[in-house]
Structures are given as C-alpha cells and as structure tokens.
Amino acid sequence: MPVTQKDIAREVGVSQATVSDVLHGRPRGRVSEETRRRILETARRLAYRPNASAQALRTRQSRQIVYATTQIADQQFGALGESVIGGLARVLADREYRLLINVSSSPEQEVAALRTLAGGGVCDGFVLRAFEERHPAWKALADLGPPFILIGQCADPDLPSVAHDAPGMVHATLRCFRERGHRRVGLILEHQGQVYHRLFRDTWNAVAPALGLDGRPWLAECLERAAAETVAEQWLAHPDGPTAILCVGARPGLGVTRAAVRAGRQIGADFDLAVTVEWTANWIFEPGTWYFATDLEAIGRRAASELMHLLDGHPSPGAIRVLPRLAQI
C-alpha cells in the first residue's frame, strides 16, 4: 500500500493538515522547526510520494504529456523505437513532467483516444508523431483544448510542428556537388510513398536543373540495400552515369558504397556520396563520404521545448524545420 499523509501524521503524532502544510511549504499556522524536521524525515523514511491524481485535482495540472502514435506507424516506421522519445522524456523530466505513450490501432482511434484523454484531464498537452502528409488528427487537435506539437512533415504551416528540413538537405547537397565539379548527379530514396521522401524527390527534380545539374534521369526508390547496390552498379557502368549520388537512408547508402568500391571508384575523390543517417551511425561509411547527421533525439528535445513554451502561454511557433550539418567522414 502506498504511504499517505495520514501515515506520516500518525507516526509523528500531529494532524494530517499539519503534515500537508509542511510537505507543500505552506506557512499556515504555527509549526515548530522540530516538528517540521520530524515530518520531513518521516516522509523520507517511509518513501512518501505525493498522489498524482490528488495533485492534479488541486492544481488543475496533471504534469503529464501524452506522446501519441499508431500501431501502423510503429510497424512501418518504428515509431516506438525512435530516439525522439528519449529526447522528449529528458526535456520533460527537467520540467518535472511525465511522458505517457498512447498507441492506437488507427488514426481514427487515435483522435478518439486523444479526445478522451483531454476530456478526462489526464494530460496537459500532446505530442503527435505523424508520418502522413494529411493526418486525420490534425484538425481535431485544435479543438481538444490542451497545447500540442506535431513531430513530422506537417503540410499545414499554421500548426506547430518540428521535423528535419528535407528540402534544405537537397539544396545543400546539390550546391556541394556543383562546387566539387559534378554535373551528373543521382538520388536514391529508401522508402516509397512517405511525405519525407516525396519532399526529397520533388525538391531534387526542381533544384537540380535550376543549378545546371543533370539529375532527372538518375532517380530511384529502393527498399533494400541490395536493390540500391544493383541500381548503383548500373549507373556507375553507364558512360554518362552520375558521378555523385545522394542516398536518403543508411541502407541505400551502404548499397551504393559497395557498388562504388567494387567499381574501383574512390569515394571523396573521383566519386562523391552523400547520405542522410543518424549521427550515431556515420562510422559504417567509407572515409570521404558526405553525410547529414540527422538527430531524432534532438528533434524530440526541440519538440518538448516548444511544447513547454506553449504551456507557458507563448504563441504557436508554426512549422520548425531543422537542417542538419553536412560534413565529411
């Protein structure tokens, strides 16, 4: 059984009201320093923890934030295994908030669950992990009451969201390739259909010709490393094939690396490879590889910080896009 204020009062021989005043720092009444010390020591000895529900009723704050996602997002994109959750939890812990995780069977069920949580006062705010360009919960969030922030490529610039800057990474890569003398450049994407990768593809098709680069014929979408390796072999064997390739994801990046090494192309010299990869995984690539050190934990930290600002009464930040630094291994 959890220890209550009544248990502490019984041990010390004072009223529960006196215990409550001391534990909450209220100066009401006259409590001697000796009594205050005994109450605090007894609370520590009995491992007393305040009742969260009672605190929520008293302060009208739950000190809890809900991270909402779906089973589909977890199965397809590993939403529950992302380091973004660690980033969220660390910032919230510094502000003495707890992070609750809610996994729904579908986006529609997610909306219903959020509505129930908001109506029951279970949380002070939401973090929604979205992988779709048009998420069913977006319009509903504004009507729920508590502040919220989206993590993902939200198409509505008025909704508060945090994500990596996909178009910015394309611009930076193509400028780098052009400055290094390349004219024929390729793009290999890891997934098909996801808005994040569509942004890469659409930006690539628009920016490459604007910079005088031949990038339209050299575009592929590969789900596995082996498929990317096969595509890269064909491109590198073509007399007019690309001399630089951007890979979105670690698996196509590894496939292109193997094809380049087998073709005798020196990465960073006569052939340039750029990859988007979690910063902790850059060691798996050859020296000379360019990489964007994408950091999902940092995205989680930024999202939590922005949500705290919203809880403090600040206006919505709109769409925040974080551009990772392009560096060379």
C-alpha atoms as a PDB file:
ATOM      1  CA  MET A   1       0.000   0.000   0.000  1.00  0.00           C
ATOM      2  CA  PRO A   2       1.323   3.496  -0.793  1.00  0.00           C
ATOM      3  CA  VAL A   3       2.254   5.714   2.131  1.00  0.00           C
ATOM      4  CA  THR A   4      -0.237   8.524   2.797  1.00  0.00           C
ATOM      5  CA  GLN A   5      -0.122  11.776   4.746  1.00  0.00           C
ATOM      6  CA  LYS A   6      -2.265  10.055   7.400  1.00  0.00           C
ATOM      7  CA  ASP A   7       0.525   7.514   7.937  1.00  0.00           C
ATOM      8  CA  ILE A   8       3.073  10.296   8.442  1.00  0.00           C
ATOM      9  CA  ALA A   9       0.718  12.165  10.801  1.00  0.00           C
ATOM     10  CA  ARG A  10       0.220   9.009  12.883  1.00  0.00           C
ATOM     11  CA  GLU A  11       3.991   8.396  13.118  1.00  0.00           C
ATOM     12  CA  VAL A  12       4.800  11.969  14.157  1.00  0.00           C
ATOM     13  CA  GLY A  13       1.712  12.485  16.329  1.00  0.00           C
ATOM     14  CA  VAL A  14       0.303  15.537  14.548  1.00  0.00           C
ATOM     15  CA  SER A  15      -2.730  16.238  12.388  1.00  0.00           C
ATOM     16  CA  GLN A  16      -2.894  15.446   8.685  1.00  0.00           C
ATOM     17  CA  ALA A  17      -3.441  19.154   7.991  1.00  0.00           C
ATOM     18  CA  THR A  18      -0.105  19.934   9.655  1.00  0.00           C
ATOM     19  CA  VAL A  19       1.636  17.279   7.541  1.00  0.00           C
ATOM     20  CA  SER A  20       0.048  18.675   4.384  1.00  0.00           C
ATOM     21  CA  ASP A  21       1.134  22.235   5.238  1.00  0.00           C
ATOM     22  CA  VAL A  22       4.735  21.171   5.832  1.00  0.00           C
ATOM     23  CA  LEU A  23       5.017  18.958   2.731  1.00  0.00           C
ATOM     24  CA  HIS A  24       3.588  21.681   0.492  1.00  0.00           C
ATOM     25  CA  GLY A  25       5.566  24.505   2.078  1.00  0.00           C
ATOM     26  CA  ARG A  26       2.542  26.393   3.335  1.00  0.00           C
ATOM     27  CA  PRO A  27       3.254  28.667   6.336  1.00  0.00           C
ATOM     28  CA  ARG A  28      -0.318  28.413   7.650  1.00  0.00           C
ATOM     29  CA  GLY A  29      -0.429  28.022  11.473  1.00  0.00           C
ATOM     30  CA  ARG A  30       2.482  27.714  13.854  1.00  0.00           C
ATOM     31  CA  VAL A  31       4.672  24.637  13.298  1.00  0.00           C
ATOM     32  CA  SER A  32       7.901  24.395  15.237  1.00  0.00           C
ATOM     33  CA  GLU A  33      11.152  23.739  13.426  1.00  0.00           C
ATOM     34  CA  GLU A  34      11.499  20.448  15.324  1.00  0.00           C
ATOM     35  CA  THR A  35       8.038  19.248  14.177  1.00  0.00           C
ATOM     36  CA  ARG A  36       8.735  20.286  10.600  1.00  0.00           C
ATOM     37  CA  ARG A  37      12.039  18.370  10.666  1.00  0.00           C
ATOM     38  CA  ARG A  38      10.367  15.219  12.051  1.00  0.00           C
ATOM     39  CA  ILE A  39       7.646  15.348   9.382  1.00  0.00           C
ATOM     40  CA  LEU A  40      10.153  15.674   6.541  1.00  0.00           C
ATOM     41  CA  GLU A  41      12.406  12.937   7.936  1.00  0.00           C
ATOM     42  CA  THR A  42       9.431  10.598   8.390  1.00  0.00           C
ATOM     43  CA  ALA A  43       8.256  11.283   4.854  1.00  0.00           C
ATOM     44  CA  ARG A  44      11.712  10.385   3.523  1.00  0.00           C
ATOM     45  CA  ARG A  45      11.994   7.284   5.724  1.00  0.00           C
ATOM     46  CA  LEU A  46       8.597   5.979   4.643  1.00  0.00           C
ATOM     47  CA  ALA A  47       9.336   6.817   0.966  1.00  0.00           C
ATOM     48  CA  TYR A  48       6.264   9.040   0.712  1.00  0.00           C
ATOM     49  CA  ARG A  49       5.255  10.057  -2.823  1.00  0.00           C
ATOM     50  CA  PRO A  50       2.522  12.641  -3.494  1.00  0.00           C
ATOM     51  CA  ASN A  51      -0.656  11.285  -5.061  1.00  0.00           C
ATOM     52  CA  ALA A  52      -0.606  12.444  -8.680  1.00  0.00           C
ATOM     53  CA  SER A  53      -4.391  12.377  -9.056  1.00  0.00           C
ATOM     54  CA  ALA A  54      -4.914  14.452  -5.939  1.00  0.00           C
ATOM     55  CA  GLN A  55      -2.308  16.968  -7.077  1.00  0.00           C
ATOM     56  CA  ALA A  56      -3.999  17.229 -10.475  1.00  0.00           C
ATOM     57  CA  LEU A  57      -7.364  17.959  -8.857  1.00  0.00           C
ATOM     58  CA  ARG A  58      -5.836  20.607  -6.622  1.00  0.00           C
ATOM     59  CA  THR A  59      -3.676  22.394  -9.195  1.00  0.00           C
ATOM     60  CA  ARG A  60      -5.750  21.579 -12.304  1.00  0.00           C
ATOM     61  CA  GLN A  61      -2.496  20.314 -13.832  1.00  0.00           C
ATOM     62  CA  SER A  62      -1.599  16.674 -14.403  1.00  0.00           C
ATOM     63  CA  ARG A  63       2.115  17.361 -15.083  1.00  0.00           C
ATOM     64  CA  GLN A  64       1.770  14.717 -17.811  1.00  0.00           C
ATOM     65  CA  ILE A  65       2.309  14.890 -21.566  1.00  0.00           C
ATOM     66  CA  VAL A  66       0.973  12.259 -23.988  1.00  0.00           C
ATOM     67  CA  TYR A  67       3.065  11.001 -26.917  1.00  0.00           C
ATOM     68  CA  ALA A  68       0.524   9.661 -29.403  1.00  0.00           C
ATOM     69  CA  THR A  69       1.151   7.343 -32.319  1.00  0.00           C
ATOM     70  CA  THR A  70      -0.465   4.346 -34.022  1.00  0.00           C
ATOM     71  CA  GLN A  71       0.306   0.660 -34.429  1.00  0.00           C
ATOM     72  CA  ILE A  72       0.581   1.247 -38.180  1.00  0.00           C
ATOM     73  CA  ALA A  73       3.245   3.939 -37.678  1.00  0.00           C
ATOM     74  CA  ASP A  74       5.167   1.633 -35.361  1.00  0.00           C
ATOM     75  CA  GLN A  75       5.013  -1.318 -37.758  1.00  0.00           C
ATOM     76  CA  GLN A  76       6.056   0.719 -40.798  1.00  0.00           C
ATOM     77  CA  PHE A  77       8.429   3.271 -39.318  1.00  0.00           C
ATOM     78  CA  GLY A  78       9.367   2.029 -35.819  1.00  0.00           C
ATOM     79  CA  ALA A  79       7.671   4.956 -34.071  1.00  0.00           C
ATOM     80  CA  LEU A  80       8.094   3.339 -30.635  1.00  0.00           C
ATOM     81  CA  GLY A  81      11.774   2.616 -31.156  1.00  0.00           C
ATOM     82  CA  GLU A  82      12.824   6.100 -32.214  1.00  0.00           C
ATOM     83  CA  SER A  83      15.278   8.073 -30.113  1.00  0.00           C
ATOM     84  CA  VAL A  84      12.863  11.001 -30.464  1.00  0.00           C
ATOM     85  CA  ILE A  85      11.076   9.606 -27.386  1.00  0.00           C
ATOM     86  CA  GLY A  86      14.255   9.854 -25.326  1.00  0.00           C
ATOM     87  CA  GLY A  87      14.681  13.485 -26.339  1.00  0.00           C
ATOM     88  CA  LEU A  88      11.118  14.251 -25.317  1.00  0.00           C
ATOM     89  CA  ALA A  89      11.437  12.470 -21.971  1.00  0.00           C
ATOM     90  CA  ARG A  90      14.684  14.245 -20.990  1.00  0.00           C
ATOM     91  CA  VAL A  91      13.342  17.762 -21.527  1.00  0.00           C
ATOM     92  CA  LEU A  92      10.025  16.968 -19.866  1.00  0.00           C
ATOM     93  CA  ALA A  93      11.789  15.429 -16.864  1.00  0.00           C
ATOM     94  CA  ASP A  94      13.778  18.636 -16.403  1.00  0.00           C
ATOM     95  CA  ARG A  95      10.434  20.456 -16.134  1.00  0.00           C
ATOM     96  CA  GLU A  96       9.040  17.722 -13.836  1.00  0.00           C
ATOM     97  CA  TYR A  97       6.594  16.384 -16.398  1.00  0.00           C
ATOM     98  CA  ARG A  98       5.951  12.708 -17.069  1.00  0.00           C
ATOM     99  CA  LEU A  99       5.690  11.303 -20.591  1.00  0.00           C
ATOM    100  CA  LEU A 100       2.811   8.921 -21.293  1.00  0.00           C
ATOM    101  CA  ILE A 101       2.722   6.869 -24.503  1.00  0.00           C
ATOM    102  CA  ASN A 102      -0.603   6.148 -26.192  1.00  0.00           C
ATOM    103  CA  VAL A 103      -0.677   3.720 -29.131  1.00  0.00           C
ATOM    104  CA  SER A 104      -3.930   3.494 -31.106  1.00  0.00           C
ATOM    105  CA  SER A 105      -4.969   0.934 -33.681  1.00  0.00           C
ATOM    106  CA  SER A 106      -5.686   3.558 -36.363  1.00  0.00           C
ATOM    107  CA  PRO A 107      -5.551   7.337 -36.897  1.00  0.00           C
ATOM    108  CA  GLU A 108      -9.304   7.497 -36.284  1.00  0.00           C
ATOM    109  CA  GLN A 109      -8.944   5.670 -32.970  1.00  0.00           C
ATOM    110  CA  GLU A 110      -6.063   7.998 -32.143  1.00  0.00           C
ATOM    111  CA  VAL A 111      -8.379  11.004 -32.412  1.00  0.00           C
ATOM    112  CA  ALA A 112     -10.931   9.319 -30.136  1.00  0.00           C
ATOM    113  CA  ALA A 113      -8.236   8.435 -27.586  1.00  0.00           C
ATOM    114  CA  LEU A 114      -6.878  11.981 -27.522  1.00  0.00           C
ATOM    115  CA  ARG A 115     -10.371  13.364 -27.051  1.00  0.00           C
ATOM    116  CA  THR A 116     -10.894  11.025 -24.070  1.00  0.00           C
ATOM    117  CA  LEU A 117      -7.540  11.919 -22.530  1.00  0.00           C
ATOM    118  CA  ALA A 118      -8.146  15.644 -22.918  1.00  0.00           C
ATOM    119  CA  GLY A 119     -11.674  15.461 -21.555  1.00  0.00           C
ATOM    120  CA  GLY A 120     -10.549  13.461 -18.532  1.00  0.00           C
ATOM    121  CA  GLY A 121      -7.770  15.901 -17.614  1.00  0.00           C
ATOM    122  CA  VAL A 122      -5.191  13.132 -17.905  1.00  0.00           C
ATOM    123  CA  CYS A 123      -2.598  15.350 -19.583  1.00  0.00           C
ATOM    124  CA  ASP A 124      -1.595  18.979 -20.020  1.00  0.00           C
ATOM    125  CA  GLY A 125      -0.530  18.608 -23.645  1.00  0.00           C
ATOM    126  CA  PHE A 126       0.086  16.264 -26.582  1.00  0.00           C
ATOM    127  CA  VAL A 127       2.921  15.279 -28.877  1.00  0.00           C
ATOM    128  CA  LEU A 128       1.659  13.624 -32.056  1.00  0.00           C
ATOM    129  CA  ARG A 129       4.105  11.571 -34.148  1.00  0.00           C
ATOM    130  CA  ALA A 130       2.880  11.887 -37.731  1.00  0.00           C
ATOM    131  CA  PHE A 131       4.265  10.207 -40.843  1.00  0.00           C
ATOM    132  CA  GLU A 132       1.429  11.172 -43.179  1.00  0.00           C
ATOM    133  CA  GLU A 133       1.130  14.405 -45.129  1.00  0.00           C
ATOM    134  CA  ARG A 134      -2.526  14.744 -44.121  1.00  0.00           C
ATOM    135  CA  HIS A 135      -3.143  13.239 -40.699  1.00  0.00           C
ATOM    136  CA  PRO A 136      -6.792  12.758 -39.584  1.00  0.00           C
ATOM    137  CA  ALA A 137      -5.986  14.076 -36.101  1.00  0.00           C
ATOM    138  CA  TRP A 138      -4.641  17.463 -37.188  1.00  0.00           C
ATOM    139  CA  LYS A 139      -7.942  19.343 -37.325  1.00  0.00           C
ATOM    140  CA  ALA A 140      -9.226  17.610 -34.190  1.00  0.00           C
ATOM    141  CA  LEU A 141      -6.199  18.618 -32.104  1.00  0.00           C
ATOM    142  CA  ALA A 142      -7.059  22.311 -32.110  1.00  0.00           C
ATOM    143  CA  ASP A 143     -10.493  21.560 -30.647  1.00  0.00           C
ATOM    144  CA  LEU A 144      -9.261  19.349 -27.801  1.00  0.00           C
ATOM    145  CA  GLY A 145      -8.038  22.194 -25.603  1.00  0.00           C
ATOM    146  CA  PRO A 146      -4.525  21.269 -24.367  1.00  0.00           C
ATOM    147  CA  PRO A 147      -1.494  22.610 -26.279  1.00  0.00           C
ATOM    148  CA  PHE A 148       0.089  20.224 -28.761  1.00  0.00           C
ATOM    149  CA  ILE A 149       3.004  19.872 -31.139  1.00  0.00           C
ATOM    150  CA  LEU A 150       3.492  17.579 -34.140  1.00  0.00           C
ATOM    151  CA  ILE A 151       6.682  15.716 -34.963  1.00  0.00           C
ATOM    152  CA  GLY A 152       6.768  15.125 -38.709  1.00  0.00           C
ATOM    153  CA  GLN A 153       6.370  16.832 -42.074  1.00  0.00           C
ATOM    154  CA  CYS A 154       3.106  18.674 -41.434  1.00  0.00           C
ATOM    155  CA  ALA A 155       1.698  20.309 -44.575  1.00  0.00           C
ATOM    156  CA  ASP A 156      -0.196  22.951 -42.590  1.00  0.00           C
ATOM    157  CA  PRO A 157       2.243  25.792 -41.754  1.00  0.00           C
ATOM    158  CA  ASP A 158      -0.101  27.141 -39.076  1.00  0.00           C
ATOM    159  CA  LEU A 159       0.114  24.016 -36.922  1.00  0.00           C
ATOM    160  CA  PRO A 160       3.109  23.777 -34.535  1.00  0.00           C
ATOM    161  CA  SER A 161       5.441  21.084 -35.852  1.00  0.00           C
ATOM    162  CA  VAL A 162       9.101  20.058 -35.747  1.00  0.00           C
ATOM    163  CA  ALA A 163      10.932  17.996 -38.377  1.00  0.00           C
ATOM    164  CA  HIS A 164      14.161  17.750 -40.324  1.00  0.00           C
ATOM    165  CA  ASP A 165      14.444  20.107 -43.295  1.00  0.00           C
ATOM    166  CA  ALA A 166      14.252  17.727 -46.273  1.00  0.00           C
ATOM    167  CA  PRO A 167      14.296  20.438 -48.990  1.00  0.00           C
ATOM    168  CA  GLY A 168      17.170  22.140 -47.199  1.00  0.00           C
ATOM    169  CA  MET A 169      19.233  18.954 -47.306  1.00  0.00           C
ATOM    170  CA  VAL A 170      18.651  18.642 -51.059  1.00  0.00           C
ATOM    171  CA  HIS A 171      19.736  22.264 -51.634  1.00  0.00           C
ATOM    172  CA  ALA A 172      22.883  21.803 -49.521  1.00  0.00           C
ATOM    173  CA  THR A 173      23.839  18.539 -51.255  1.00  0.00           C
ATOM    174  CA  LEU A 174      23.374  19.850 -54.791  1.00  0.00           C
ATOM    175  CA  ARG A 175      25.362  23.009 -54.025  1.00  0.00           C
ATOM    176  CA  CYS A 176      28.142  20.850 -52.583  1.00  0.00           C
ATOM    177  CA  PHE A 177      28.157  18.557 -55.635  1.00  0.00           C
ATOM    178  CA  ARG A 178      28.217  21.502 -58.045  1.00  0.00           C
ATOM    179  CA  GLU A 179      31.065  23.206 -56.176  1.00  0.00           C
ATOM    180  CA  ARG A 180      33.036  19.958 -56.395  1.00  0.00           C
ATOM    181  CA  GLY A 181      32.676  19.952 -60.188  1.00  0.00           C
ATOM    182  CA  HIS A 182      29.916  17.370 -60.689  1.00  0.00           C
ATOM    183  CA  ARG A 183      27.339  17.789 -63.420  1.00  0.00           C
ATOM    184  CA  ARG A 184      25.560  14.414 -63.417  1.00  0.00           C
ATOM    185  CA  VAL A 185      24.061  13.575 -60.013  1.00  0.00           C
ATOM    186  CA  GLY A 186      21.787  10.836 -58.688  1.00  0.00           C
ATOM    187  CA  LEU A 187      19.255  10.392 -55.887  1.00  0.00           C
ATOM    188  CA  ILE A 188      18.280   7.073 -54.252  1.00  0.00           C
ATOM    189  CA  LEU A 189      15.430   7.025 -51.731  1.00  0.00           C
ATOM    190  CA  GLU A 190      14.902   4.357 -49.110  1.00  0.00           C
ATOM    191  CA  HIS A 191      11.086   4.323 -48.960  1.00  0.00           C
ATOM    192  CA  GLN A 192       8.222   4.910 -51.340  1.00  0.00           C
ATOM    193  CA  GLY A 193       5.146   6.987 -50.602  1.00  0.00           C
ATOM    194  CA  GLN A 194       6.268   8.713 -47.397  1.00  0.00           C
ATOM    195  CA  VAL A 195       5.929  12.502 -47.420  1.00  0.00           C
ATOM    196  CA  TYR A 196       9.507  12.955 -46.147  1.00  0.00           C
ATOM    197  CA  HIS A 197      10.905  11.161 -49.184  1.00  0.00           C
ATOM    198  CA  ARG A 198       8.475  12.826 -51.579  1.00  0.00           C
ATOM    199  CA  LEU A 199       9.840  16.181 -50.437  1.00  0.00           C
ATOM    200  CA  PHE A 200      13.351  14.986 -51.327  1.00  0.00           C
ATOM    201  CA  ARG A 201      12.236  13.786 -54.748  1.00  0.00           C
ATOM    202  CA  ASP A 202      10.179  16.869 -55.647  1.00  0.00           C
ATOM    203  CA  THR A 203      12.878  19.276 -54.457  1.00  0.00           C
ATOM    204  CA  TRP A 204      15.525  17.307 -56.352  1.00  0.00           C
ATOM    205  CA  ASN A 205      13.561  17.500 -59.618  1.00  0.00           C
ATOM    206  CA  ALA A 206      13.114  21.247 -59.208  1.00  0.00           C
ATOM    207  CA  VAL A 207      16.528  22.318 -57.897  1.00  0.00           C
ATOM    208  CA  ALA A 208      18.941  20.131 -59.897  1.00  0.00           C
ATOM    209  CA  PRO A 209      18.087  21.678 -63.286  1.00  0.00           C
ATOM    210  CA  ALA A 210      17.964  25.151 -61.735  1.00  0.00           C
ATOM    211  CA  LEU A 211      21.588  24.672 -60.676  1.00  0.00           C
ATOM    212  CA  GLY A 212      22.580  23.371 -64.136  1.00  0.00           C
ATOM    213  CA  LEU A 213      22.848  19.740 -62.967  1.00  0.00           C
ATOM    214  CA  ASP A 214      21.633  16.637 -64.768  1.00  0.00           C
ATOM    215  CA  GLY A 215      19.681  14.840 -62.058  1.00  0.00           C
ATOM    216  CA  ARG A 216      16.309  13.870 -63.518  1.00  0.00           C
ATOM    217  CA  PRO A 217      17.314  10.564 -65.215  1.00  0.00           C
ATOM    218  CA  TRP A 218      19.182   9.364 -62.139  1.00  0.00           C
ATOM    219  CA  LEU A 219      16.486   8.845 -59.529  1.00  0.00           C
ATOM    220  CA  ALA A 220      15.471   5.550 -57.901  1.00  0.00           C
ATOM    221  CA  GLU A 221      13.496   4.278 -54.912  1.00  0.00           C
ATOM    222  CA  CYS A 222      14.888   1.154 -53.241  1.00  0.00           C
ATOM    223  CA  LEU A 223      13.514  -0.593 -50.180  1.00  0.00           C
ATOM    224  CA  GLU A 224      16.606  -2.710 -49.504  1.00  0.00           C
ATOM    225  CA  ARG A 225      20.382  -2.344 -49.631  1.00  0.00           C
ATOM    226  CA  ALA A 226      20.773  -4.966 -52.374  1.00  0.00           C
ATOM    227  CA  ALA A 227      18.384  -3.131 -54.695  1.00  0.00           C
ATOM    228  CA  ALA A 228      20.311   0.128 -54.229  1.00  0.00           C
ATOM    229  CA  GLU A 229      23.542  -1.723 -54.911  1.00  0.00           C
ATOM    230  CA  THR A 230      22.168  -3.044 -58.217  1.00  0.00           C
ATOM    231  CA  VAL A 231      20.953   0.422 -59.265  1.00  0.00           C
ATOM    232  CA  ALA A 232      24.326   1.983 -58.407  1.00  0.00           C
ATOM    233  CA  GLU A 233      26.196  -0.695 -60.381  1.00  0.00           C
ATOM    234  CA  GLN A 234      24.148   0.140 -63.475  1.00  0.00           C
ATOM    235  CA  TRP A 235      24.597   3.884 -63.040  1.00  0.00           C
ATOM    236  CA  LEU A 236      28.349   3.655 -62.468  1.00  0.00           C
ATOM    237  CA  ALA A 237      28.779   1.392 -65.510  1.00  0.00           C
ATOM    238  CA  HIS A 238      26.918   3.844 -67.756  1.00  0.00           C
ATOM    239  CA  PRO A 239      29.328   6.093 -69.719  1.00  0.00           C
ATOM    240  CA  ASP A 240      27.202   9.133 -68.930  1.00  0.00           C
ATOM    241  CA  GLY A 241      26.121   7.998 -65.456  1.00  0.00           C
ATOM    242  CA  PRO A 242      26.200  10.137 -62.311  1.00  0.00           C
ATOM    243  CA  THR A 243      29.496  10.948 -60.635  1.00  0.00           C
ATOM    244  CA  ALA A 244      27.828  11.863 -57.332  1.00  0.00           C
ATOM    245  CA  ILE A 245      24.840  10.327 -55.535  1.00  0.00           C
ATOM    246  CA  LEU A 246      22.696  11.372 -52.572  1.00  0.00           C
ATOM    247  CA  CYS A 247      21.167   8.477 -50.602  1.00  0.00           C
ATOM    248  CA  VAL A 248      18.252   9.099 -48.235  1.00  0.00           C
ATOM    249  CA  GLY A 249      18.731   6.427 -45.592  1.00  0.00           C
ATOM    250  CA  ALA A 250      21.532   4.154 -44.429  1.00  0.00           C
ATOM    251  CA  ARG A 251      20.550   1.064 -46.438  1.00  0.00           C
ATOM    252  CA  PRO A 252      20.773   2.645 -49.909  1.00  0.00           C
ATOM    253  CA  GLY A 253      23.926   4.420 -48.766  1.00  0.00           C
ATOM    254  CA  LEU A 254      25.581   1.105 -47.927  1.00  0.00           C
ATOM    255  CA  GLY A 255      24.422  -0.370 -51.232  1.00  0.00           C
ATOM    256  CA  VAL A 256      25.982   2.487 -53.219  1.00  0.00           C
ATOM    257  CA  THR A 257      29.167   2.236 -51.139  1.00  0.00           C
ATOM    258  CA  ARG A 258      29.599  -1.435 -52.028  1.00  0.00           C
ATOM    259  CA  ALA A 259      28.941  -0.777 -55.714  1.00  0.00           C
ATOM    260  CA  ALA A 260      31.421   2.113 -55.800  1.00  0.00           C
ATOM    261  CA  VAL A 261      34.179   0.157 -54.065  1.00  0.00           C
ATOM    262  CA  ARG A 262      33.660  -2.809 -56.403  1.00  0.00           C
ATOM    263  CA  ALA A 263      33.803  -0.464 -59.423  1.00  0.00           C
ATOM    264  CA  GLY A 264      37.106   0.978 -58.220  1.00  0.00           C
ATOM    265  CA  ARG A 265      35.671   4.422 -57.566  1.00  0.00           C
ATOM    266  CA  GLN A 266      37.323   6.301 -54.715  1.00  0.00           C
ATOM    267  CA  ILE A 267      34.671   7.912 -52.539  1.00  0.00           C
ATOM    268  CA  GLY A 268      35.545  11.537 -51.847  1.00  0.00           C
ATOM    269  CA  ALA A 269      37.898  11.727 -54.846  1.00  0.00           C
ATOM    270  CA  ASP A 270      36.548  10.726 -58.281  1.00  0.00           C
ATOM    271  CA  PHE A 271      33.122   9.858 -56.868  1.00  0.00           C
ATOM    272  CA  ASP A 272      31.056  11.640 -54.206  1.00  0.00           C
ATOM    273  CA  LEU A 273      28.469  10.009 -51.984  1.00  0.00           C
ATOM    274  CA  ALA A 274      26.211  11.885 -49.579  1.00  0.00           C
ATOM    275  CA  VAL A 275      23.872  10.126 -47.110  1.00  0.00           C
ATOM    276  CA  THR A 276      21.255  11.071 -44.553  1.00  0.00           C
ATOM    277  CA  VAL A 277      21.859   8.930 -41.495  1.00  0.00           C
ATOM    278  CA  GLU A 278      21.503   9.067 -37.707  1.00  0.00           C
ATOM    279  CA  TRP A 279      24.656  10.741 -36.415  1.00  0.00           C
ATOM    280  CA  THR A 280      25.491   7.665 -34.293  1.00  0.00           C
ATOM    281  CA  ALA A 281      25.773   5.504 -37.447  1.00  0.00           C
ATOM    282  CA  ASN A 282      28.174   7.544 -39.589  1.00  0.00           C
ATOM    283  CA  TRP A 283      31.041   5.161 -38.729  1.00  0.00           C
ATOM    284  CA  ILE A 284      29.615   2.479 -41.065  1.00  0.00           C
ATOM    285  CA  PHE A 285      30.542   4.504 -44.177  1.00  0.00           C
ATOM    286  CA  GLU A 286      33.829   4.916 -46.019  1.00  0.00           C
ATOM    287  CA  PRO A 287      36.115   7.880 -45.316  1.00  0.00           C
ATOM    288  CA  GLY A 288      35.307  10.708 -47.719  1.00  0.00           C
ATOM    289  CA  THR A 289      31.543  10.142 -47.565  1.00  0.00           C
ATOM    290  CA  TRP A 290      29.444  13.247 -47.026  1.00  0.00           C
ATOM    291  CA  TYR A 291      26.650  12.896 -44.508  1.00  0.00           C
ATOM    292  CA  PHE A 292      23.834  14.758 -42.808  1.00  0.00           C
ATOM    293  CA  ALA A 293      23.934  13.805 -39.145  1.00  0.00           C
ATOM    294  CA  THR A 294      20.178  13.615 -38.633  1.00  0.00           C
ATOM    295  CA  ASP A 295      19.381  13.542 -34.913  1.00  0.00           C
ATOM    296  CA  LEU A 296      15.933  12.318 -33.888  1.00  0.00           C
ATOM    297  CA  GLU A 297      16.714  12.798 -30.212  1.00  0.00           C
ATOM    298  CA  ALA A 298      17.405  16.476 -30.919  1.00  0.00           C
ATOM    299  CA  ILE A 299      14.079  16.672 -32.769  1.00  0.00           C
ATOM    300  CA  GLY A 300      12.388  15.257 -29.663  1.00  0.00           C
ATOM    301  CA  ARG A 301      14.153  17.771 -27.424  1.00  0.00           C
ATOM    302  CA  ARG A 302      13.144  20.661 -29.668  1.00  0.00           C
ATOM    303  CA  ALA A 303       9.532  19.477 -29.793  1.00  0.00           C
ATOM    304  CA  ALA A 304       9.367  19.196 -25.990  1.00  0.00           C
ATOM    305  CA  SER A 305      10.899  22.655 -25.546  1.00  0.00           C
ATOM    306  CA  GLU A 306       8.393  24.207 -27.944  1.00  0.00           C
ATOM    307  CA  LEU A 307       5.526  22.456 -26.155  1.00  0.00           C
ATOM    308  CA  MET A 308       6.756  23.846 -22.843  1.00  0.00           C
ATOM    309  CA  HIS A 309       6.703  27.333 -24.392  1.00  0.00           C
ATOM    310  CA  LEU A 310       3.108  26.762 -25.487  1.00  0.00           C
ATOM    311  CA  LEU A 311       2.201  25.645 -21.959  1.00  0.00           C
ATOM    312  CA  ASP A 312       3.799  28.847 -20.665  1.00  0.00           C
ATOM    313  CA  GLY A 313       1.464  30.883 -22.859  1.00  0.00           C
ATOM    314  CA  HIS A 314       3.735  31.690 -25.808  1.00  0.00           C
ATOM    315  CA  PRO A 315       2.240  31.806 -29.348  1.00  0.00           C
ATOM    316  CA  SER A 316       2.480  28.877 -31.761  1.00  0.00           C
ATOM    317  CA  PRO A 317       5.912  28.628 -33.433  1.00  0.00           C
ATOM    318  CA  GLY A 318       4.394  27.288 -36.673  1.00  0.00           C
ATOM    319  CA  ALA A 319       6.448  24.842 -38.725  1.00  0.00           C
ATOM    320  CA  ILE A 320      10.021  24.458 -37.435  1.00  0.00           C
ATOM    321  CA  ARG A 321      12.455  22.749 -39.813  1.00  0.00           C
ATOM    322  CA  VAL A 322      15.876  21.712 -38.546  1.00  0.00           C
ATOM    323  CA  LEU A 323      18.722  21.478 -41.091  1.00  0.00           C
ATOM    324  CA  PRO A 324      21.448  19.004 -40.045  1.00  0.00           C
ATOM    325  CA  ARG A 325      25.040  19.968 -40.818  1.00  0.00           C
ATOM    326  CA  LEU A 326      26.599  18.485 -43.972  1.00  0.00           C
ATOM    327  CA  ALA A 327      30.007  17.087 -43.010  1.00  0.00           C
ATOM    328  CA  GLN A 328      32.547  14.656 -44.430  1.00  0.00           C
ATOM    329  CA  ILE A 329      33.649  11.474 -42.728  1.00  0.00           C
END
